[in-house]
Amino acid sequence: MINSDTVEYIDAAVRTEKVPHFEVRQEVYVSGDHRFALASFPGITGELKMRLLHSALGMMTEIVELQAALRKCDWVNVAEEVGDVFWYWAVAMRACGFTSMPARAPSTSFMRNEARTGEPLIAAICEWGDLVRRDAIHAKPPKPEDVAQRLFDVYDEACTLCEAVEIDPLQVMRRNIAKLRVRFPEKYDGVRFDQRDLEEERRVLERADDK
């Protein structure tokens, strides 16, 4: 089950989410003396699907950076990238209204060794992305239990990777929030997003602890 620390993380994470809002829009074209509406639509996919697309695509953007950090054995950066995956996971959890998940089984030494390659987490991210893609593009909405399973798999593999590099997953979440407090002191801000202080964020990640 999700414990109180994880629920607290989700609350803190979505504070900095840019939630899309759609309004009915009509494109009006003028040709000579004639005016006509070409299209009227309430957003391409709606808020929920857009948030899930944000979650899936966002996780995928972390894959290359995570692989690079693992190759360099840069554990601060590994924790940062896994923390970003947790952030996108939190977005999907809140968007779907999930408040609990199955308990994780203890990871074995074999699982931790495999996790250090990053491949199990990447596979889980891709499975989540494929589920969201089928819904958004092919109009094949998944069953709630399949959504929950895919999100659990991402969470489980992210935690196992943390354990493999001897970092507490909750500490990774706290580091993620500490970084976001540097980037967005109050909430998402488009100007601050374009003017991120990456050096200060790195310093915060290096000194962040699990208090």
C-alpha atoms as a PDB file:
ATOM      1  CA  MET A   1       0.000   0.000   0.000  1.00  0.00           C
ATOM      2  CA  ILE A   2       1.082   3.585  -0.481  1.00  0.00           C
ATOM      3  CA  ASN A   3       2.286   4.927   2.860  1.00  0.00           C
ATOM      4  CA  SER A   4       1.821   8.427   4.248  1.00  0.00           C
ATOM      5  CA  ASP A   5       5.291   9.504   3.077  1.00  0.00           C
ATOM      6  CA  THR A   6       4.434   8.587  -0.520  1.00  0.00           C
ATOM      7  CA  VAL A   7       1.060  10.347  -0.364  1.00  0.00           C
ATOM      8  CA  GLU A   8       2.867  13.418   0.973  1.00  0.00           C
ATOM      9  CA  TYR A   9       5.282  13.179  -1.970  1.00  0.00           C
ATOM     10  CA  ILE A  10       2.441  13.015  -4.512  1.00  0.00           C
ATOM     11  CA  ASP A  11       0.840  16.103  -2.919  1.00  0.00           C
ATOM     12  CA  ALA A  12       4.145  17.980  -3.085  1.00  0.00           C
ATOM     13  CA  ALA A  13       4.918  16.819  -6.628  1.00  0.00           C
ATOM     14  CA  VAL A  14       1.651  17.834  -8.270  1.00  0.00           C
ATOM     15  CA  ARG A  15       2.003  21.298  -6.738  1.00  0.00           C
ATOM     16  CA  THR A  16       4.382  22.036  -9.615  1.00  0.00           C
ATOM     17  CA  GLU A  17       2.373  20.354 -12.372  1.00  0.00           C
ATOM     18  CA  LYS A  18       1.103  22.492 -15.227  1.00  0.00           C
ATOM     19  CA  VAL A  19      -2.439  21.168 -15.595  1.00  0.00           C
ATOM     20  CA  PRO A  20      -3.926  21.721 -19.057  1.00  0.00           C
ATOM     21  CA  HIS A  21      -7.338  23.343 -19.284  1.00  0.00           C
ATOM     22  CA  PHE A  22      -9.362  23.222 -22.477  1.00  0.00           C
ATOM     23  CA  GLU A  23     -12.054  25.549 -23.702  1.00  0.00           C
ATOM     24  CA  VAL A  24     -14.369  25.081 -26.669  1.00  0.00           C
ATOM     25  CA  ARG A  25     -12.653  26.846 -29.537  1.00  0.00           C
ATOM     26  CA  GLN A  26     -13.866  27.728 -32.992  1.00  0.00           C
ATOM     27  CA  GLU A  27     -11.560  28.574 -35.859  1.00  0.00           C
ATOM     28  CA  VAL A  28     -13.176  31.236 -38.052  1.00  0.00           C
ATOM     29  CA  TYR A  29     -11.874  31.829 -41.571  1.00  0.00           C
ATOM     30  CA  VAL A  30     -12.698  34.739 -43.860  1.00  0.00           C
ATOM     31  CA  SER A  31     -12.783  34.449 -47.657  1.00  0.00           C
ATOM     32  CA  GLY A  32     -13.978  37.566 -49.441  1.00  0.00           C
ATOM     33  CA  ASP A  33     -17.383  38.422 -48.027  1.00  0.00           C
ATOM     34  CA  HIS A  34     -17.817  34.986 -46.480  1.00  0.00           C
ATOM     35  CA  ARG A  35     -17.032  33.876 -42.949  1.00  0.00           C
ATOM     36  CA  PHE A  36     -17.182  30.254 -41.957  1.00  0.00           C
ATOM     37  CA  ALA A  37     -16.156  28.025 -39.048  1.00  0.00           C
ATOM     38  CA  LEU A  38     -13.808  25.213 -39.973  1.00  0.00           C
ATOM     39  CA  ALA A  39     -13.735  23.394 -36.671  1.00  0.00           C
ATOM     40  CA  SER A  40     -15.066  23.478 -33.161  1.00  0.00           C
ATOM     41  CA  PHE A  41     -13.502  21.287 -30.509  1.00  0.00           C
ATOM     42  CA  PRO A  42     -13.145  21.040 -26.707  1.00  0.00           C
ATOM     43  CA  GLY A  43      -9.452  20.224 -26.776  1.00  0.00           C
ATOM     44  CA  ILE A  44      -7.826  17.356 -28.618  1.00  0.00           C
ATOM     45  CA  THR A  45      -8.011  14.696 -25.939  1.00  0.00           C
ATOM     46  CA  GLY A  46      -9.359  16.350 -22.816  1.00  0.00           C
ATOM     47  CA  GLU A  47      -7.595  17.091 -19.553  1.00  0.00           C
ATOM     48  CA  LEU A  48      -7.259  13.554 -18.169  1.00  0.00           C
ATOM     49  CA  LYS A  49      -5.796  12.057 -21.333  1.00  0.00           C
ATOM     50  CA  MET A  50      -3.442  15.017 -21.725  1.00  0.00           C
ATOM     51  CA  ARG A  51      -2.174  14.589 -18.169  1.00  0.00           C
ATOM     52  CA  LEU A  52      -1.568  10.890 -18.785  1.00  0.00           C
ATOM     53  CA  LEU A  53       0.230  11.694 -22.043  1.00  0.00           C
ATOM     54  CA  HIS A  54       2.325  14.199 -20.104  1.00  0.00           C
ATOM     55  CA  SER A  55       3.169  11.470 -17.596  1.00  0.00           C
ATOM     56  CA  ALA A  56       4.109   8.866 -20.214  1.00  0.00           C
ATOM     57  CA  LEU A  57       6.050  11.181 -22.544  1.00  0.00           C
ATOM     58  CA  GLY A  58       7.765  12.826 -19.605  1.00  0.00           C
ATOM     59  CA  MET A  59       9.027   9.504 -18.284  1.00  0.00           C
ATOM     60  CA  MET A  60      10.369   8.629 -21.721  1.00  0.00           C
ATOM     61  CA  THR A  61      12.352  11.867 -21.898  1.00  0.00           C
ATOM     62  CA  GLU A  62      14.216  10.731 -18.776  1.00  0.00           C
ATOM     63  CA  ILE A  63      15.416   7.450 -20.301  1.00  0.00           C
ATOM     64  CA  VAL A  64      18.491   8.758 -22.164  1.00  0.00           C
ATOM     65  CA  GLU A  65      19.570  10.917 -19.213  1.00  0.00           C
ATOM     66  CA  LEU A  66      19.118   7.991 -16.818  1.00  0.00           C
ATOM     67  CA  GLN A  67      21.187   5.689 -19.025  1.00  0.00           C
ATOM     68  CA  ALA A  68      23.950   8.300 -19.270  1.00  0.00           C
ATOM     69  CA  ALA A  69      24.004   8.779 -15.486  1.00  0.00           C
ATOM     70  CA  LEU A  70      24.195   5.010 -14.929  1.00  0.00           C
ATOM     71  CA  ARG A  71      27.066   4.656 -17.406  1.00  0.00           C
ATOM     72  CA  LYS A  72      29.000   7.391 -15.588  1.00  0.00           C
ATOM     73  CA  CYS A  73      28.089   5.982 -12.158  1.00  0.00           C
ATOM     74  CA  ASP A  74      26.930   9.474 -11.246  1.00  0.00           C
ATOM     75  CA  TRP A  75      24.666   8.453  -8.378  1.00  0.00           C
ATOM     76  CA  VAL A  76      23.523  12.007  -7.651  1.00  0.00           C
ATOM     77  CA  ASN A  77      22.327  12.286 -11.245  1.00  0.00           C
ATOM     78  CA  VAL A  78      20.827   8.776 -11.153  1.00  0.00           C
ATOM     79  CA  ALA A  79      18.785   9.809  -8.110  1.00  0.00           C
ATOM     80  CA  GLU A  80      17.744  12.985  -9.921  1.00  0.00           C
ATOM     81  CA  GLU A  81      16.524  11.135 -13.018  1.00  0.00           C
ATOM     82  CA  VAL A  82      14.687   8.477 -11.018  1.00  0.00           C
ATOM     83  CA  GLY A  83      13.196  11.322  -8.981  1.00  0.00           C
ATOM     84  CA  ASP A  84      11.897  12.851 -12.196  1.00  0.00           C
ATOM     85  CA  VAL A  85      10.311   9.503 -13.109  1.00  0.00           C
ATOM     86  CA  PHE A  86       8.648   9.490  -9.698  1.00  0.00           C
ATOM     87  CA  TRP A  87       7.310  13.009 -10.435  1.00  0.00           C
ATOM     88  CA  TYR A  88       5.656  11.896 -13.677  1.00  0.00           C
ATOM     89  CA  TRP A  89       4.324   8.832 -11.840  1.00  0.00           C
ATOM     90  CA  ALA A  90       2.802  11.143  -9.221  1.00  0.00           C
ATOM     91  CA  VAL A  91       1.080  13.166 -11.960  1.00  0.00           C
ATOM     92  CA  ALA A  92      -0.589  10.023 -13.308  1.00  0.00           C
ATOM     93  CA  MET A  93      -1.512   8.775  -9.841  1.00  0.00           C
ATOM     94  CA  ARG A  94      -3.262  12.020  -8.988  1.00  0.00           C
ATOM     95  CA  ALA A  95      -4.880  12.346 -12.417  1.00  0.00           C
ATOM     96  CA  CYS A  96      -6.359   8.844 -12.059  1.00  0.00           C
ATOM     97  CA  GLY A  97      -7.386   9.419  -8.452  1.00  0.00           C
ATOM     98  CA  PHE A  98      -5.414   6.427  -7.145  1.00  0.00           C
ATOM     99  CA  THR A  99      -4.738   6.479  -3.403  1.00  0.00           C
ATOM    100  CA  SER A 100      -3.362   2.978  -2.887  1.00  0.00           C
ATOM    101  CA  MET A 101      -1.393   0.309  -4.711  1.00  0.00           C
ATOM    102  CA  PRO A 102      -0.360  -3.299  -4.042  1.00  0.00           C
ATOM    103  CA  ALA A 103       2.441  -3.830  -1.546  1.00  0.00           C
ATOM    104  CA  ARG A 104       5.886  -4.314  -3.087  1.00  0.00           C
ATOM    105  CA  ALA A 105       7.593  -7.656  -2.687  1.00  0.00           C
ATOM    106  CA  PRO A 106      11.167  -7.479  -1.295  1.00  0.00           C
ATOM    107  CA  SER A 107      13.684  -7.196  -4.123  1.00  0.00           C
ATOM    108  CA  THR A 108      16.242  -9.970  -4.510  1.00  0.00           C
ATOM    109  CA  SER A 109      19.948  -9.528  -5.234  1.00  0.00           C
ATOM    110  CA  PHE A 110      19.300 -10.726  -8.809  1.00  0.00           C
ATOM    111  CA  MET A 111      16.577  -8.120  -9.284  1.00  0.00           C
ATOM    112  CA  ARG A 112      18.833  -5.376  -7.899  1.00  0.00           C
ATOM    113  CA  ASN A 113      21.711  -6.397 -10.177  1.00  0.00           C
ATOM    114  CA  GLU A 114      19.418  -6.338 -13.191  1.00  0.00           C
ATOM    115  CA  ALA A 115      17.928  -3.026 -12.073  1.00  0.00           C
ATOM    116  CA  ARG A 116      21.365  -1.368 -12.122  1.00  0.00           C
ATOM    117  CA  THR A 117      21.288  -1.560 -15.929  1.00  0.00           C
ATOM    118  CA  GLY A 118      18.154   0.579 -15.966  1.00  0.00           C
ATOM    119  CA  GLU A 119      16.484  -1.841 -18.379  1.00  0.00           C
ATOM    120  CA  PRO A 120      13.645  -3.072 -16.099  1.00  0.00           C
ATOM    121  CA  LEU A 121      12.586   0.505 -15.325  1.00  0.00           C
ATOM    122  CA  ILE A 122      12.821   1.503 -18.984  1.00  0.00           C
ATOM    123  CA  ALA A 123      10.673  -1.497 -19.953  1.00  0.00           C
ATOM    124  CA  ALA A 124       8.049  -0.517 -17.365  1.00  0.00           C
ATOM    125  CA  ILE A 125       8.039   3.066 -18.659  1.00  0.00           C
ATOM    126  CA  CYS A 126       7.557   1.862 -22.233  1.00  0.00           C
ATOM    127  CA  GLU A 127       4.674  -0.421 -21.193  1.00  0.00           C
ATOM    128  CA  TRP A 128       3.013   2.543 -19.500  1.00  0.00           C
ATOM    129  CA  GLY A 129       3.585   4.698 -22.566  1.00  0.00           C
ATOM    130  CA  ASP A 130       2.083   2.075 -24.867  1.00  0.00           C
ATOM    131  CA  LEU A 131      -1.052   1.837 -22.720  1.00  0.00           C
ATOM    132  CA  VAL A 132      -1.541   5.613 -22.851  1.00  0.00           C
ATOM    133  CA  ARG A 133      -0.779   5.705 -26.603  1.00  0.00           C
ATOM    134  CA  ARG A 134      -3.438   3.101 -27.377  1.00  0.00           C
ATOM    135  CA  ASP A 135      -6.008   5.179 -25.530  1.00  0.00           C
ATOM    136  CA  ALA A 136      -5.053   8.575 -26.972  1.00  0.00           C
ATOM    137  CA  ILE A 137      -4.388   7.523 -30.568  1.00  0.00           C
ATOM    138  CA  HIS A 138      -6.443   4.382 -31.143  1.00  0.00           C
ATOM    139  CA  ALA A 139      -9.371   5.138 -28.797  1.00  0.00           C
ATOM    140  CA  LYS A 140      -8.775   1.919 -26.855  1.00  0.00           C
ATOM    141  CA  PRO A 141      -9.283   2.960 -23.229  1.00  0.00           C
ATOM    142  CA  PRO A 142      -7.549   0.588 -20.800  1.00  0.00           C
ATOM    143  CA  LYS A 143      -9.181  -1.107 -17.848  1.00  0.00           C
ATOM    144  CA  PRO A 144      -8.547   0.685 -14.526  1.00  0.00           C
ATOM    145  CA  GLU A 145      -6.759  -2.390 -13.196  1.00  0.00           C
ATOM    146  CA  ASP A 146      -4.360  -2.322 -16.173  1.00  0.00           C
ATOM    147  CA  VAL A 147      -3.598   1.356 -15.557  1.00  0.00           C
ATOM    148  CA  ALA A 148      -2.956   0.598 -11.887  1.00  0.00           C
ATOM    149  CA  GLN A 149      -0.702  -2.350 -12.786  1.00  0.00           C
ATOM    150  CA  ARG A 150       1.415  -0.331 -15.216  1.00  0.00           C
ATOM    151  CA  LEU A 151       1.837   2.485 -12.704  1.00  0.00           C
ATOM    152  CA  PHE A 152       2.725  -0.027 -10.005  1.00  0.00           C
ATOM    153  CA  ASP A 153       5.344  -1.562 -12.311  1.00  0.00           C
ATOM    154  CA  VAL A 154       6.950   1.845 -12.874  1.00  0.00           C
ATOM    155  CA  TYR A 155       6.929   2.557  -9.132  1.00  0.00           C
ATOM    156  CA  ASP A 156       8.263  -0.895  -8.260  1.00  0.00           C
ATOM    157  CA  GLU A 157      11.111  -0.794 -10.796  1.00  0.00           C
ATOM    158  CA  ALA A 158      12.047   2.763  -9.802  1.00  0.00           C
ATOM    159  CA  CYS A 159      12.238   1.669  -6.156  1.00  0.00           C
ATOM    160  CA  THR A 160      14.267  -1.418  -7.068  1.00  0.00           C
ATOM    161  CA  LEU A 161      16.753   0.708  -9.005  1.00  0.00           C
ATOM    162  CA  CYS A 162      17.098   2.996  -5.994  1.00  0.00           C
ATOM    163  CA  GLU A 163      17.764  -0.009  -3.770  1.00  0.00           C
ATOM    164  CA  ALA A 164      20.279  -1.352  -6.298  1.00  0.00           C
ATOM    165  CA  VAL A 165      22.395   1.805  -6.003  1.00  0.00           C
ATOM    166  CA  GLU A 166      21.813   1.935  -2.226  1.00  0.00           C
ATOM    167  CA  ILE A 167      19.575   4.993  -2.147  1.00  0.00           C
ATOM    168  CA  ASP A 168      16.335   5.093  -0.165  1.00  0.00           C
ATOM    169  CA  PRO A 169      13.436   5.657  -2.622  1.00  0.00           C
ATOM    170  CA  LEU A 170      11.810   8.079  -0.168  1.00  0.00           C
ATOM    171  CA  GLN A 171      15.053  10.035  -0.057  1.00  0.00           C
ATOM    172  CA  VAL A 172      14.997  10.210  -3.856  1.00  0.00           C
ATOM    173  CA  MET A 173      11.469  11.617  -3.667  1.00  0.00           C
ATOM    174  CA  ARG A 174      12.535  14.188  -1.087  1.00  0.00           C
ATOM    175  CA  ARG A 175      15.484  15.230  -3.234  1.00  0.00           C
ATOM    176  CA  ASN A 176      13.110  15.641  -6.153  1.00  0.00           C
ATOM    177  CA  ILE A 177      10.893  17.986  -4.129  1.00  0.00           C
ATOM    178  CA  ALA A 178      13.946  19.905  -2.868  1.00  0.00           C
ATOM    179  CA  LYS A 179      15.033  20.466  -6.474  1.00  0.00           C
ATOM    180  CA  LEU A 180      11.542  21.590  -7.460  1.00  0.00           C
ATOM    181  CA  ARG A 181      11.454  24.085  -4.601  1.00  0.00           C
ATOM    182  CA  VAL A 182      14.492  25.739  -6.163  1.00  0.00           C
ATOM    183  CA  ARG A 183      12.841  25.749  -9.587  1.00  0.00           C
ATOM    184  CA  PHE A 184       9.308  26.670  -8.514  1.00  0.00           C
ATOM    185  CA  PRO A 185       9.119  28.136  -4.981  1.00  0.00           C
ATOM    186  CA  GLU A 186       5.326  28.401  -5.125  1.00  0.00           C
ATOM    187  CA  LYS A 187       3.921  26.529  -8.130  1.00  0.00           C
ATOM    188  CA  TYR A 188       4.604  25.951 -11.829  1.00  0.00           C
ATOM    189  CA  ASP A 189       5.895  29.119 -13.476  1.00  0.00           C
ATOM    190  CA  GLY A 190       6.576  29.220 -17.225  1.00  0.00           C
ATOM    191  CA  VAL A 191       9.193  31.969 -16.901  1.00  0.00           C
ATOM    192  CA  ARG A 192      11.119  30.133 -14.182  1.00  0.00           C
ATOM    193  CA  PHE A 193      10.880  26.933 -16.244  1.00  0.00           C
ATOM    194  CA  ASP A 194      12.852  28.657 -19.019  1.00  0.00           C
ATOM    195  CA  GLN A 195      15.356  30.149 -16.565  1.00  0.00           C
ATOM    196  CA  ARG A 196      16.307  27.154 -14.459  1.00  0.00           C
ATOM    197  CA  ASP A 197      19.435  27.389 -12.335  1.00  0.00           C
ATOM    198  CA  LEU A 198      20.837  23.924 -13.011  1.00  0.00           C
ATOM    199  CA  GLU A 199      23.968  24.511 -10.927  1.00  0.00           C
ATOM    200  CA  GLU A 200      21.928  25.414  -7.843  1.00  0.00           C
ATOM    201  CA  GLU A 201      19.643  22.446  -8.440  1.00  0.00           C
ATOM    202  CA  ARG A 202      22.692  20.162  -8.534  1.00  0.00           C
ATOM    203  CA  ARG A 203      23.994  21.657  -5.271  1.00  0.00           C
ATOM    204  CA  VAL A 204      20.625  21.039  -3.616  1.00  0.00           C
ATOM    205  CA  LEU A 205      20.589  17.444  -4.842  1.00  0.00           C
ATOM    206  CA  GLU A 206      24.097  16.852  -3.516  1.00  0.00           C
ATOM    207  CA  ARG A 207      23.309  18.102  -0.024  1.00  0.00           C
ATOM    208  CA  ALA A 208      19.710  16.880   0.243  1.00  0.00           C
ATOM    209  CA  ASP A 209      19.096  14.270   2.940  1.00  0.00           C
ATOM    210  CA  ASP A 210      16.094  12.311   4.104  1.00  0.00           C
ATOM    211  CA  LYS A 211      14.954  14.646   6.868  1.00  0.00           C
END
